[in-house]
Amino acid sequence: MASKNEEIKLANNEKSSTSVTPPNSLQDMAPEIFISILKYLSPCGLSRLAQVCKKFNRYITTEPSSSTDLIWRQARELFLPWIELAAPEGMSERVYTRFMIEKGCQICRKGQPNDERAKYYFVFMIRVCDKCFQEFSASQDQLKERFGIPVFLIKCLPKAGYLKNAYWYPHAILLHLEYRNLKCSSEEKESWIEQQRLKAFQRIKDGHDREAYLRKKKIAETNLIAQRGLERRARISINLSNMLMETKPNGSPKWSADVIWHHCPSYLNPLKSTSIEEFTDLSWISLRRKIELEHEDYCEKAKNLSSSLSSFGFLF
């Protein structure tokens, strides 16, 4: 009997020694498995997870890294399908995704991250308000006189040609500093200048293409919102007309049009909505329930108020 128990213990020990110990936490998980899990997180979820610990932060924010770019590109394509254009050359997927989903000014940051007044300038790859743009942009004459930028370097800068202040002067200062630190022959400097001109040309073309794409997308979205609004109002009008035709057992109207039009917020809200979602039969069923509750609540309050006034008048 004792020998049999010893055999069982020996077998259990062999199993425990050959079995793989599962990880105690996510931090002990293999990098390949952890990265495959990250592709199911949204960009917002990735940003929050990066704040948990240094190891997670290294997986999610290390740049340049092909795995980091893959994680953020998958999150952008899965959760932000409206950002159809790929990241521009020289910008990581993480920076590009945050650049597109955030809307506040990147410079002043006045506590309004959803401020629509900040505009995208893809030529400079910045997102700023009008005040900051006027402060940090400059014309060609201003670059020469105020900052001492030579003309041949100004031609190497990307510019927004439709604006008076067409250049972003922080870029001009950095480019001038880089040129002054070059320690090479004149021929190599000429080659460097030509490369910068080609980069600027490509940056201008890519920026204008992106801005034109967003303008077309904005027009299409505006037209879709208007179309959905007309369809929504038409459906609500038809269903409400049928609702107002309903009567009580005594033949009197069951619902008051005046109460619905003026005292039911649920009726007015979808008429002002800018949603692009289609107004379906289920949408009307949900809306009707809200209208009925608000109608009954208002009628009940009006009845109580009327009875209170009549009692008060009688007592007076």
C-alpha atoms as a PDB file:
ATOM      1  CA  MET A   1       0.000   0.000   0.000  1.00  0.00           C
ATOM      2  CA  ALA A   2       2.831   2.350   0.893  1.00  0.00           C
ATOM      3  CA  SER A   3       4.644   1.571  -2.326  1.00  0.00           C
ATOM      4  CA  LYS A   4       1.510   2.382  -4.323  1.00  0.00           C
ATOM      5  CA  ASN A   5       1.219   5.798  -2.621  1.00  0.00           C
ATOM      6  CA  GLU A   6       4.873   6.474  -3.363  1.00  0.00           C
ATOM      7  CA  GLU A   7       4.300   5.666  -7.054  1.00  0.00           C
ATOM      8  CA  ILE A   8       1.358   8.104  -7.179  1.00  0.00           C
ATOM      9  CA  LYS A   9       3.448  10.871  -5.566  1.00  0.00           C
ATOM     10  CA  LEU A  10       6.314  10.189  -7.980  1.00  0.00           C
ATOM     11  CA  ALA A  11       3.950  10.380 -10.959  1.00  0.00           C
ATOM     12  CA  ASN A  12       2.501  13.689  -9.719  1.00  0.00           C
ATOM     13  CA  ASN A  13       5.993  15.109  -9.268  1.00  0.00           C
ATOM     14  CA  GLU A  14       6.915  14.109 -12.822  1.00  0.00           C
ATOM     15  CA  LYS A  15       3.766  15.782 -14.186  1.00  0.00           C
ATOM     16  CA  SER A  16       4.455  19.000 -12.268  1.00  0.00           C
ATOM     17  CA  SER A  17       8.061  19.063 -13.448  1.00  0.00           C
ATOM     18  CA  THR A  18       7.140  18.570 -17.138  1.00  0.00           C
ATOM     19  CA  SER A  19       4.098  20.894 -17.176  1.00  0.00           C
ATOM     20  CA  VAL A  20       4.503  24.537 -18.237  1.00  0.00           C
ATOM     21  CA  THR A  21       3.822  27.005 -15.450  1.00  0.00           C
ATOM     22  CA  PRO A  22       1.236  29.548 -16.610  1.00  0.00           C
ATOM     23  CA  PRO A  23       2.154  33.246 -16.277  1.00  0.00           C
ATOM     24  CA  ASN A  24       1.090  34.862 -13.025  1.00  0.00           C
ATOM     25  CA  SER A  25       0.181  38.158 -14.727  1.00  0.00           C
ATOM     26  CA  LEU A  26       0.162  39.966 -18.044  1.00  0.00           C
ATOM     27  CA  GLN A  27       3.679  41.189 -17.330  1.00  0.00           C
ATOM     28  CA  ASP A  28       4.953  37.570 -17.427  1.00  0.00           C
ATOM     29  CA  MET A  29       3.309  36.894 -20.775  1.00  0.00           C
ATOM     30  CA  ALA A  30       5.391  36.338 -23.903  1.00  0.00           C
ATOM     31  CA  PRO A  31       5.756  39.525 -25.991  1.00  0.00           C
ATOM     32  CA  GLU A  32       4.272  37.876 -29.101  1.00  0.00           C
ATOM     33  CA  ILE A  33       1.094  36.874 -27.242  1.00  0.00           C
ATOM     34  CA  PHE A  34       0.811  40.252 -25.526  1.00  0.00           C
ATOM     35  CA  ILE A  35       1.137  42.127 -28.832  1.00  0.00           C
ATOM     36  CA  SER A  36      -1.509  39.898 -30.437  1.00  0.00           C
ATOM     37  CA  ILE A  37      -3.896  40.863 -27.598  1.00  0.00           C
ATOM     38  CA  LEU A  38      -3.211  44.577 -28.046  1.00  0.00           C
ATOM     39  CA  LYS A  39      -4.700  44.592 -31.565  1.00  0.00           C
ATOM     40  CA  TYR A  40      -8.176  44.340 -30.025  1.00  0.00           C
ATOM     41  CA  LEU A  41      -7.764  47.602 -28.080  1.00  0.00           C
ATOM     42  CA  SER A  42      -8.872  51.015 -29.296  1.00  0.00           C
ATOM     43  CA  PRO A  43      -6.371  53.926 -29.478  1.00  0.00           C
ATOM     44  CA  CYS A  44      -7.862  55.270 -26.238  1.00  0.00           C
ATOM     45  CA  GLY A  45      -7.424  51.858 -24.599  1.00  0.00           C
ATOM     46  CA  LEU A  46      -3.808  51.673 -25.756  1.00  0.00           C
ATOM     47  CA  SER A  47      -3.073  55.099 -24.274  1.00  0.00           C
ATOM     48  CA  ARG A  48      -4.541  54.054 -20.921  1.00  0.00           C
ATOM     49  CA  LEU A  49      -2.723  50.720 -20.880  1.00  0.00           C
ATOM     50  CA  ALA A  50       0.589  52.481 -21.572  1.00  0.00           C
ATOM     51  CA  GLN A  51       0.195  54.267 -18.220  1.00  0.00           C
ATOM     52  CA  VAL A  52      -0.085  51.034 -16.210  1.00  0.00           C
ATOM     53  CA  CYS A  53       3.624  50.170 -16.010  1.00  0.00           C
ATOM     54  CA  LYS A  54       6.956  50.716 -17.741  1.00  0.00           C
ATOM     55  CA  LYS A  55       6.833  47.348 -19.529  1.00  0.00           C
ATOM     56  CA  PHE A  56       3.455  48.057 -21.123  1.00  0.00           C
ATOM     57  CA  ASN A  57       4.592  51.574 -21.980  1.00  0.00           C
ATOM     58  CA  ARG A  58       7.645  50.156 -23.751  1.00  0.00           C
ATOM     59  CA  TYR A  59       5.523  47.775 -25.849  1.00  0.00           C
ATOM     60  CA  ILE A  60       3.007  50.465 -26.827  1.00  0.00           C
ATOM     61  CA  THR A  61       5.043  53.651 -27.239  1.00  0.00           C
ATOM     62  CA  THR A  62       8.575  52.585 -28.291  1.00  0.00           C
ATOM     63  CA  GLU A  63       9.556  54.399 -31.497  1.00  0.00           C
ATOM     64  CA  PRO A  64      10.782  53.706 -34.083  1.00  0.00           C
ATOM     65  CA  SER A  65       9.438  50.144 -33.921  1.00  0.00           C
ATOM     66  CA  SER A  66       7.637  48.024 -36.519  1.00  0.00           C
ATOM     67  CA  SER A  67       5.616  46.219 -33.819  1.00  0.00           C
ATOM     68  CA  THR A  68       4.496  49.536 -32.273  1.00  0.00           C
ATOM     69  CA  ASP A  69       3.452  50.853 -35.693  1.00  0.00           C
ATOM     70  CA  LEU A  70       1.558  47.606 -36.338  1.00  0.00           C
ATOM     71  CA  ILE A  71      -0.331  47.868 -33.020  1.00  0.00           C
ATOM     72  CA  TRP A  72      -1.446  51.449 -33.632  1.00  0.00           C
ATOM     73  CA  ARG A  73      -2.248  50.907 -37.314  1.00  0.00           C
ATOM     74  CA  GLN A  74      -4.515  47.958 -36.453  1.00  0.00           C
ATOM     75  CA  ALA A  75      -6.254  50.042 -33.761  1.00  0.00           C
ATOM     76  CA  ARG A  76      -6.742  52.932 -36.195  1.00  0.00           C
ATOM     77  CA  GLU A  77      -8.126  50.742 -38.988  1.00  0.00           C
ATOM     78  CA  LEU A  78     -10.437  48.808 -36.646  1.00  0.00           C
ATOM     79  CA  PHE A  79     -11.810  51.590 -34.441  1.00  0.00           C
ATOM     80  CA  LEU A  80     -11.272  54.717 -36.590  1.00  0.00           C
ATOM     81  CA  PRO A  81     -12.211  53.642 -40.138  1.00  0.00           C
ATOM     82  CA  TRP A  82     -12.868  57.264 -41.126  1.00  0.00           C
ATOM     83  CA  ILE A  83      -9.087  57.865 -41.026  1.00  0.00           C
ATOM     84  CA  GLU A  84      -8.501  56.137 -44.347  1.00  0.00           C
ATOM     85  CA  LEU A  85      -5.223  57.827 -45.329  1.00  0.00           C
ATOM     86  CA  ALA A  86      -2.026  56.193 -44.089  1.00  0.00           C
ATOM     87  CA  ALA A  87       0.452  57.988 -41.866  1.00  0.00           C
ATOM     88  CA  PRO A  88       2.680  60.433 -43.771  1.00  0.00           C
ATOM     89  CA  GLU A  89       6.353  59.694 -44.230  1.00  0.00           C
ATOM     90  CA  GLY A  90       8.377  60.486 -41.142  1.00  0.00           C
ATOM     91  CA  MET A  91       5.445  60.262 -38.715  1.00  0.00           C
ATOM     92  CA  SER A  92       4.776  57.154 -36.630  1.00  0.00           C
ATOM     93  CA  GLU A  93       1.358  55.522 -36.497  1.00  0.00           C
ATOM     94  CA  ARG A  94       0.988  56.396 -32.815  1.00  0.00           C
ATOM     95  CA  VAL A  95       1.680  60.105 -33.346  1.00  0.00           C
ATOM     96  CA  TYR A  96      -0.470  60.183 -36.486  1.00  0.00           C
ATOM     97  CA  THR A  97      -3.453  58.535 -34.764  1.00  0.00           C
ATOM     98  CA  ARG A  98      -3.336  60.973 -31.846  1.00  0.00           C
ATOM     99  CA  PHE A  99      -2.821  63.860 -34.260  1.00  0.00           C
ATOM    100  CA  MET A 100      -6.034  62.948 -36.124  1.00  0.00           C
ATOM    101  CA  ILE A 101      -8.367  62.077 -33.238  1.00  0.00           C
ATOM    102  CA  GLU A 102      -7.465  65.050 -31.028  1.00  0.00           C
ATOM    103  CA  LYS A 103      -8.969  68.411 -31.988  1.00  0.00           C
ATOM    104  CA  GLY A 104      -7.512  71.020 -29.678  1.00  0.00           C
ATOM    105  CA  CYS A 105      -4.641  73.373 -30.447  1.00  0.00           C
ATOM    106  CA  GLN A 106      -1.253  71.674 -30.026  1.00  0.00           C
ATOM    107  CA  ILE A 107       0.385  74.892 -28.804  1.00  0.00           C
ATOM    108  CA  CYS A 108      -1.857  76.878 -26.449  1.00  0.00           C
ATOM    109  CA  ARG A 109      -3.779  73.872 -24.994  1.00  0.00           C
ATOM    110  CA  LYS A 110      -6.353  75.947 -23.137  1.00  0.00           C
ATOM    111  CA  GLY A 111      -8.133  72.936 -21.687  1.00  0.00           C
ATOM    112  CA  GLN A 112     -10.378  72.440 -24.702  1.00  0.00           C
ATOM    113  CA  PRO A 113      -9.267  69.178 -26.330  1.00  0.00           C
ATOM    114  CA  ASN A 114     -12.465  69.013 -28.415  1.00  0.00           C
ATOM    115  CA  ASP A 115     -12.269  72.601 -29.634  1.00  0.00           C
ATOM    116  CA  GLU A 116     -13.319  72.505 -33.293  1.00  0.00           C
ATOM    117  CA  ARG A 117     -11.664  75.887 -33.960  1.00  0.00           C
ATOM    118  CA  ALA A 118      -8.219  74.264 -34.219  1.00  0.00           C
ATOM    119  CA  LYS A 119      -7.408  73.477 -37.859  1.00  0.00           C
ATOM    120  CA  TYR A 120      -5.246  70.841 -39.506  1.00  0.00           C
ATOM    121  CA  TYR A 121      -2.316  72.134 -41.582  1.00  0.00           C
ATOM    122  CA  PHE A 122      -1.002  68.955 -43.174  1.00  0.00           C
ATOM    123  CA  VAL A 123       1.751  70.808 -45.036  1.00  0.00           C
ATOM    124  CA  PHE A 124       3.341  71.525 -41.646  1.00  0.00           C
ATOM    125  CA  MET A 125       1.752  68.507 -39.885  1.00  0.00           C
ATOM    126  CA  ILE A 126       0.366  70.704 -37.117  1.00  0.00           C
ATOM    127  CA  ARG A 127      -3.063  71.336 -35.576  1.00  0.00           C
ATOM    128  CA  VAL A 128      -3.422  74.880 -34.222  1.00  0.00           C
ATOM    129  CA  CYS A 129      -5.939  77.641 -33.653  1.00  0.00           C
ATOM    130  CA  ASP A 130      -5.915  80.835 -35.756  1.00  0.00           C
ATOM    131  CA  LYS A 131      -4.243  82.878 -33.017  1.00  0.00           C
ATOM    132  CA  CYS A 132      -1.301  80.484 -32.637  1.00  0.00           C
ATOM    133  CA  PHE A 133      -0.955  80.109 -36.390  1.00  0.00           C
ATOM    134  CA  GLN A 134      -0.625  83.869 -36.831  1.00  0.00           C
ATOM    135  CA  GLU A 135       1.963  83.935 -34.036  1.00  0.00           C
ATOM    136  CA  PHE A 136       4.191  81.127 -35.363  1.00  0.00           C
ATOM    137  CA  SER A 137       3.848  81.597 -39.137  1.00  0.00           C
ATOM    138  CA  ALA A 138       5.811  84.032 -41.273  1.00  0.00           C
ATOM    139  CA  SER A 139       6.111  85.309 -44.816  1.00  0.00           C
ATOM    140  CA  GLN A 140       9.239  85.027 -46.933  1.00  0.00           C
ATOM    141  CA  ASP A 141      10.226  88.640 -46.200  1.00  0.00           C
ATOM    142  CA  GLN A 142       9.781  88.070 -42.465  1.00  0.00           C
ATOM    143  CA  LEU A 143      12.009  84.981 -42.580  1.00  0.00           C
ATOM    144  CA  LYS A 144      14.761  86.982 -44.268  1.00  0.00           C
ATOM    145  CA  GLU A 145      14.552  90.172 -42.210  1.00  0.00           C
ATOM    146  CA  ARG A 146      13.520  88.892 -38.775  1.00  0.00           C
ATOM    147  CA  PHE A 147      15.217  85.481 -38.610  1.00  0.00           C
ATOM    148  CA  GLY A 148      18.037  85.863 -41.125  1.00  0.00           C
ATOM    149  CA  ILE A 149      17.072  82.811 -43.176  1.00  0.00           C
ATOM    150  CA  PRO A 150      18.826  82.826 -46.594  1.00  0.00           C
ATOM    151  CA  VAL A 151      16.666  82.608 -49.715  1.00  0.00           C
ATOM    152  CA  PHE A 152      18.103  79.263 -50.863  1.00  0.00           C
ATOM    153  CA  LEU A 153      17.001  77.710 -47.555  1.00  0.00           C
ATOM    154  CA  ILE A 154      13.542  79.271 -47.740  1.00  0.00           C
ATOM    155  CA  LYS A 155      13.074  77.366 -51.002  1.00  0.00           C
ATOM    156  CA  CYS A 156      13.729  74.176 -49.029  1.00  0.00           C
ATOM    157  CA  LEU A 157      10.776  74.820 -46.691  1.00  0.00           C
ATOM    158  CA  PRO A 158       7.221  73.517 -47.135  1.00  0.00           C
ATOM    159  CA  LYS A 159       4.683  76.300 -47.494  1.00  0.00           C
ATOM    160  CA  ALA A 160       0.952  76.823 -47.597  1.00  0.00           C
ATOM    161  CA  GLY A 161       0.775  78.874 -50.769  1.00  0.00           C
ATOM    162  CA  TYR A 162      -2.778  80.162 -50.322  1.00  0.00           C
ATOM    163  CA  LEU A 163      -1.856  82.006 -47.096  1.00  0.00           C
ATOM    164  CA  LYS A 164      -0.024  85.322 -46.658  1.00  0.00           C
ATOM    165  CA  ASN A 165       2.152  83.887 -43.881  1.00  0.00           C
ATOM    166  CA  ALA A 166       2.977  80.746 -45.783  1.00  0.00           C
ATOM    167  CA  TYR A 167       5.877  79.366 -43.697  1.00  0.00           C
ATOM    168  CA  TRP A 168       6.084  77.847 -40.231  1.00  0.00           C
ATOM    169  CA  TYR A 169       9.078  79.699 -38.801  1.00  0.00           C
ATOM    170  CA  PRO A 170      10.099  77.068 -36.159  1.00  0.00           C
ATOM    171  CA  HIS A 171      10.782  74.720 -39.100  1.00  0.00           C
ATOM    172  CA  ALA A 172      12.851  77.444 -40.790  1.00  0.00           C
ATOM    173  CA  ILE A 173      14.979  78.015 -37.668  1.00  0.00           C
ATOM    174  CA  LEU A 174      15.668  74.277 -37.250  1.00  0.00           C
ATOM    175  CA  LEU A 175      16.563  73.888 -40.916  1.00  0.00           C
ATOM    176  CA  HIS A 176      18.918  76.895 -40.758  1.00  0.00           C
ATOM    177  CA  LEU A 177      20.572  75.487 -37.630  1.00  0.00           C
ATOM    178  CA  GLU A 178      21.011  72.100 -39.293  1.00  0.00           C
ATOM    179  CA  TYR A 179      22.593  73.725 -42.340  1.00  0.00           C
ATOM    180  CA  ARG A 180      25.024  75.747 -40.237  1.00  0.00           C
ATOM    181  CA  ASN A 181      26.118  72.585 -38.398  1.00  0.00           C
ATOM    182  CA  LEU A 182      26.952  70.753 -41.622  1.00  0.00           C
ATOM    183  CA  LYS A 183      30.637  69.878 -41.791  1.00  0.00           C
ATOM    184  CA  CYS A 184      31.141  68.814 -45.377  1.00  0.00           C
ATOM    185  CA  SER A 185      32.263  70.071 -48.769  1.00  0.00           C
ATOM    186  CA  SER A 186      30.327  72.604 -50.828  1.00  0.00           C
ATOM    187  CA  GLU A 187      29.256  69.881 -53.259  1.00  0.00           C
ATOM    188  CA  GLU A 188      27.812  67.798 -50.427  1.00  0.00           C
ATOM    189  CA  LYS A 189      26.020  70.883 -49.119  1.00  0.00           C
ATOM    190  CA  GLU A 190      24.472  71.438 -52.554  1.00  0.00           C
ATOM    191  CA  SER A 191      23.340  67.821 -52.580  1.00  0.00           C
ATOM    192  CA  TRP A 192      21.820  68.265 -49.097  1.00  0.00           C
ATOM    193  CA  ILE A 193      19.977  71.415 -50.230  1.00  0.00           C
ATOM    194  CA  GLU A 194      18.558  69.581 -53.251  1.00  0.00           C
ATOM    195  CA  GLN A 195      17.324  66.757 -51.016  1.00  0.00           C
ATOM    196  CA  GLN A 196      15.596  69.265 -48.742  1.00  0.00           C
ATOM    197  CA  ARG A 197      13.898  70.877 -51.746  1.00  0.00           C
ATOM    198  CA  LEU A 198      12.572  67.506 -52.901  1.00  0.00           C
ATOM    199  CA  LYS A 199      11.329  66.741 -49.385  1.00  0.00           C
ATOM    200  CA  ALA A 200       9.567  70.113 -49.223  1.00  0.00           C
ATOM    201  CA  PHE A 201       7.951  69.549 -52.626  1.00  0.00           C
ATOM    202  CA  GLN A 202       6.693  66.120 -51.562  1.00  0.00           C
ATOM    203  CA  ARG A 203       5.465  67.540 -48.236  1.00  0.00           C
ATOM    204  CA  ILE A 204       3.511  70.274 -50.040  1.00  0.00           C
ATOM    205  CA  LYS A 205       1.942  67.805 -52.473  1.00  0.00           C
ATOM    206  CA  ASP A 206       1.036  65.317 -49.738  1.00  0.00           C
ATOM    207  CA  GLY A 207      -0.358  68.071 -47.509  1.00  0.00           C
ATOM    208  CA  HIS A 208      -2.536  69.562 -50.236  1.00  0.00           C
ATOM    209  CA  ASP A 209      -3.822  66.085 -51.187  1.00  0.00           C
ATOM    210  CA  ARG A 210      -4.768  65.359 -47.577  1.00  0.00           C
ATOM    211  CA  GLU A 211      -6.488  68.712 -47.117  1.00  0.00           C
ATOM    212  CA  ALA A 212      -8.437  68.243 -50.377  1.00  0.00           C
ATOM    213  CA  TYR A 213      -9.460  64.747 -49.261  1.00  0.00           C
ATOM    214  CA  LEU A 214     -10.729  66.030 -45.899  1.00  0.00           C
ATOM    215  CA  ARG A 215     -12.667  68.840 -47.610  1.00  0.00           C
ATOM    216  CA  LYS A 216     -14.415  66.345 -49.894  1.00  0.00           C
ATOM    217  CA  LYS A 217     -15.120  64.072 -46.942  1.00  0.00           C
ATOM    218  CA  LYS A 218     -16.534  66.999 -44.945  1.00  0.00           C
ATOM    219  CA  ILE A 219     -18.834  67.977 -47.835  1.00  0.00           C
ATOM    220  CA  ALA A 220     -20.014  64.381 -48.214  1.00  0.00           C
ATOM    221  CA  GLU A 221     -20.642  64.130 -44.462  1.00  0.00           C
ATOM    222  CA  THR A 222     -22.597  67.424 -44.475  1.00  0.00           C
ATOM    223  CA  ASN A 223     -24.760  66.217 -47.373  1.00  0.00           C
ATOM    224  CA  LEU A 224     -25.359  62.900 -45.608  1.00  0.00           C
ATOM    225  CA  ILE A 225     -26.374  64.689 -42.388  1.00  0.00           C
ATOM    226  CA  ALA A 226     -28.849  66.844 -44.342  1.00  0.00           C
ATOM    227  CA  GLN A 227     -30.268  63.801 -46.120  1.00  0.00           C
ATOM    228  CA  ARG A 228     -30.644  61.832 -42.893  1.00  0.00           C
ATOM    229  CA  GLY A 229     -32.307  64.868 -41.269  1.00  0.00           C
ATOM    230  CA  LEU A 230     -34.926  65.086 -44.038  1.00  0.00           C
ATOM    231  CA  GLU A 231     -35.607  61.355 -43.838  1.00  0.00           C
ATOM    232  CA  ARG A 232     -35.834  61.491 -40.035  1.00  0.00           C
ATOM    233  CA  ARG A 233     -38.290  64.410 -40.036  1.00  0.00           C
ATOM    234  CA  ALA A 234     -40.449  62.754 -42.711  1.00  0.00           C
ATOM    235  CA  ARG A 235     -40.649  59.452 -40.804  1.00  0.00           C
ATOM    236  CA  ILE A 236     -41.424  61.189 -37.509  1.00  0.00           C
ATOM    237  CA  SER A 237     -44.115  63.341 -39.163  1.00  0.00           C
ATOM    238  CA  ILE A 238     -45.863  60.321 -40.710  1.00  0.00           C
ATOM    239  CA  ASN A 239     -45.734  58.241 -37.521  1.00  0.00           C
ATOM    240  CA  LEU A 240     -46.836  61.180 -35.367  1.00  0.00           C
ATOM    241  CA  SER A 241     -49.841  61.836 -37.657  1.00  0.00           C
ATOM    242  CA  ASN A 242     -50.919  58.215 -37.189  1.00  0.00           C
ATOM    243  CA  MET A 243     -50.372  58.539 -33.437  1.00  0.00           C
ATOM    244  CA  LEU A 244     -52.558  61.675 -33.195  1.00  0.00           C
ATOM    245  CA  MET A 245     -55.426  59.842 -34.939  1.00  0.00           C
ATOM    246  CA  GLU A 246     -55.720  57.408 -32.029  1.00  0.00           C
ATOM    247  CA  THR A 247     -58.786  57.923 -29.798  1.00  0.00           C
ATOM    248  CA  LYS A 248     -59.948  56.923 -26.340  1.00  0.00           C
ATOM    249  CA  PRO A 249     -62.927  54.587 -25.820  1.00  0.00           C
ATOM    250  CA  ASN A 250     -65.205  57.618 -25.508  1.00  0.00           C
ATOM    251  CA  GLY A 251     -64.077  58.913 -28.924  1.00  0.00           C
ATOM    252  CA  SER A 252     -61.953  61.844 -27.663  1.00  0.00           C
ATOM    253  CA  PRO A 253     -58.359  62.267 -28.912  1.00  0.00           C
ATOM    254  CA  LYS A 254     -55.865  60.175 -26.988  1.00  0.00           C
ATOM    255  CA  TRP A 255     -52.947  62.537 -27.561  1.00  0.00           C
ATOM    256  CA  SER A 256     -52.693  66.307 -27.742  1.00  0.00           C
ATOM    257  CA  ALA A 257     -50.670  67.693 -30.652  1.00  0.00           C
ATOM    258  CA  ASP A 258     -50.048  70.953 -28.775  1.00  0.00           C
ATOM    259  CA  VAL A 259     -48.593  69.123 -25.777  1.00  0.00           C
ATOM    260  CA  ILE A 260     -46.330  66.987 -27.977  1.00  0.00           C
ATOM    261  CA  TRP A 261     -45.101  69.916 -30.070  1.00  0.00           C
ATOM    262  CA  HIS A 262     -44.365  72.275 -27.178  1.00  0.00           C
ATOM    263  CA  HIS A 263     -43.864  70.197 -24.021  1.00  0.00           C
ATOM    264  CA  CYS A 264     -42.210  66.936 -25.108  1.00  0.00           C
ATOM    265  CA  PRO A 265     -38.413  67.365 -25.469  1.00  0.00           C
ATOM    266  CA  SER A 266     -38.052  63.839 -26.836  1.00  0.00           C
ATOM    267  CA  TYR A 267     -40.049  64.894 -29.906  1.00  0.00           C
ATOM    268  CA  LEU A 268     -37.890  67.962 -30.585  1.00  0.00           C
ATOM    269  CA  ASN A 269     -34.457  66.404 -29.979  1.00  0.00           C
ATOM    270  CA  PRO A 270     -34.341  64.074 -33.015  1.00  0.00           C
ATOM    271  CA  LEU A 271     -35.566  66.900 -35.258  1.00  0.00           C
ATOM    272  CA  LYS A 272     -32.438  68.897 -34.319  1.00  0.00           C
ATOM    273  CA  SER A 273     -30.089  65.920 -34.409  1.00  0.00           C
ATOM    274  CA  THR A 274     -27.060  65.890 -36.734  1.00  0.00           C
ATOM    275  CA  SER A 275     -26.597  62.123 -36.518  1.00  0.00           C
ATOM    276  CA  ILE A 276     -25.955  60.173 -39.731  1.00  0.00           C
ATOM    277  CA  GLU A 277     -27.673  57.075 -38.351  1.00  0.00           C
ATOM    278  CA  GLU A 278     -30.809  55.995 -40.163  1.00  0.00           C
ATOM    279  CA  PHE A 279     -34.132  56.500 -38.349  1.00  0.00           C
ATOM    280  CA  THR A 280     -35.720  53.027 -38.358  1.00  0.00           C
ATOM    281  CA  ASP A 281     -38.995  51.559 -37.073  1.00  0.00           C
ATOM    282  CA  LEU A 282     -37.211  50.577 -33.846  1.00  0.00           C
ATOM    283  CA  SER A 283     -36.085  54.180 -33.474  1.00  0.00           C
ATOM    284  CA  TRP A 284     -39.692  55.345 -33.700  1.00  0.00           C
ATOM    285  CA  ILE A 285     -40.871  52.741 -31.140  1.00  0.00           C
ATOM    286  CA  SER A 286     -38.260  54.002 -28.671  1.00  0.00           C
ATOM    287  CA  LEU A 287     -39.130  57.643 -29.418  1.00  0.00           C
ATOM    288  CA  ARG A 288     -42.861  57.011 -29.044  1.00  0.00           C
ATOM    289  CA  ARG A 289     -42.401  55.495 -25.595  1.00  0.00           C
ATOM    290  CA  LYS A 290     -40.557  58.614 -24.455  1.00  0.00           C
ATOM    291  CA  ILE A 291     -43.227  60.894 -25.960  1.00  0.00           C
ATOM    292  CA  GLU A 292     -46.002  58.940 -24.245  1.00  0.00           C
ATOM    293  CA  LEU A 293     -44.317  59.179 -20.848  1.00  0.00           C
ATOM    294  CA  GLU A 294     -43.683  62.922 -21.227  1.00  0.00           C
ATOM    295  CA  HIS A 295     -47.232  63.501 -22.505  1.00  0.00           C
ATOM    296  CA  GLU A 296     -48.792  61.642 -19.584  1.00  0.00           C
ATOM    297  CA  ASP A 297     -46.487  63.364 -17.088  1.00  0.00           C
ATOM    298  CA  TYR A 298     -47.347  66.831 -18.428  1.00  0.00           C
ATOM    299  CA  CYS A 299     -51.082  66.115 -18.509  1.00  0.00           C
ATOM    300  CA  GLU A 300     -50.956  64.792 -14.952  1.00  0.00           C
ATOM    301  CA  LYS A 301     -49.116  67.889 -13.732  1.00  0.00           C
ATOM    302  CA  ALA A 302     -51.514  70.191 -15.596  1.00  0.00           C
ATOM    303  CA  LYS A 303     -54.485  68.372 -14.067  1.00  0.00           C
ATOM    304  CA  ASN A 304     -53.059  68.648 -10.537  1.00  0.00           C
ATOM    305  CA  LEU A 305     -52.278  72.311 -11.043  1.00  0.00           C
ATOM    306  CA  SER A 306     -55.786  72.989 -12.323  1.00  0.00           C
ATOM    307  CA  SER A 307     -57.395  71.219  -9.379  1.00  0.00           C
ATOM    308  CA  SER A 308     -55.108  73.089  -6.956  1.00  0.00           C
ATOM    309  CA  LEU A 309     -56.032  76.453  -8.457  1.00  0.00           C
ATOM    310  CA  SER A 310     -59.734  75.664  -8.385  1.00  0.00           C
ATOM    311  CA  SER A 311     -59.526  74.568  -4.745  1.00  0.00           C
ATOM    312  CA  PHE A 312     -57.573  77.660  -3.854  1.00  0.00           C
ATOM    313  CA  GLY A 313     -60.129  79.853  -5.611  1.00  0.00           C
ATOM    314  CA  PHE A 314     -62.960  78.093  -3.842  1.00  0.00           C
ATOM    315  CA  LEU A 315     -61.322  78.522  -0.442  1.00  0.00           C
ATOM    316  CA  PHE A 316     -60.473  82.148  -1.193  1.00  0.00           C
END
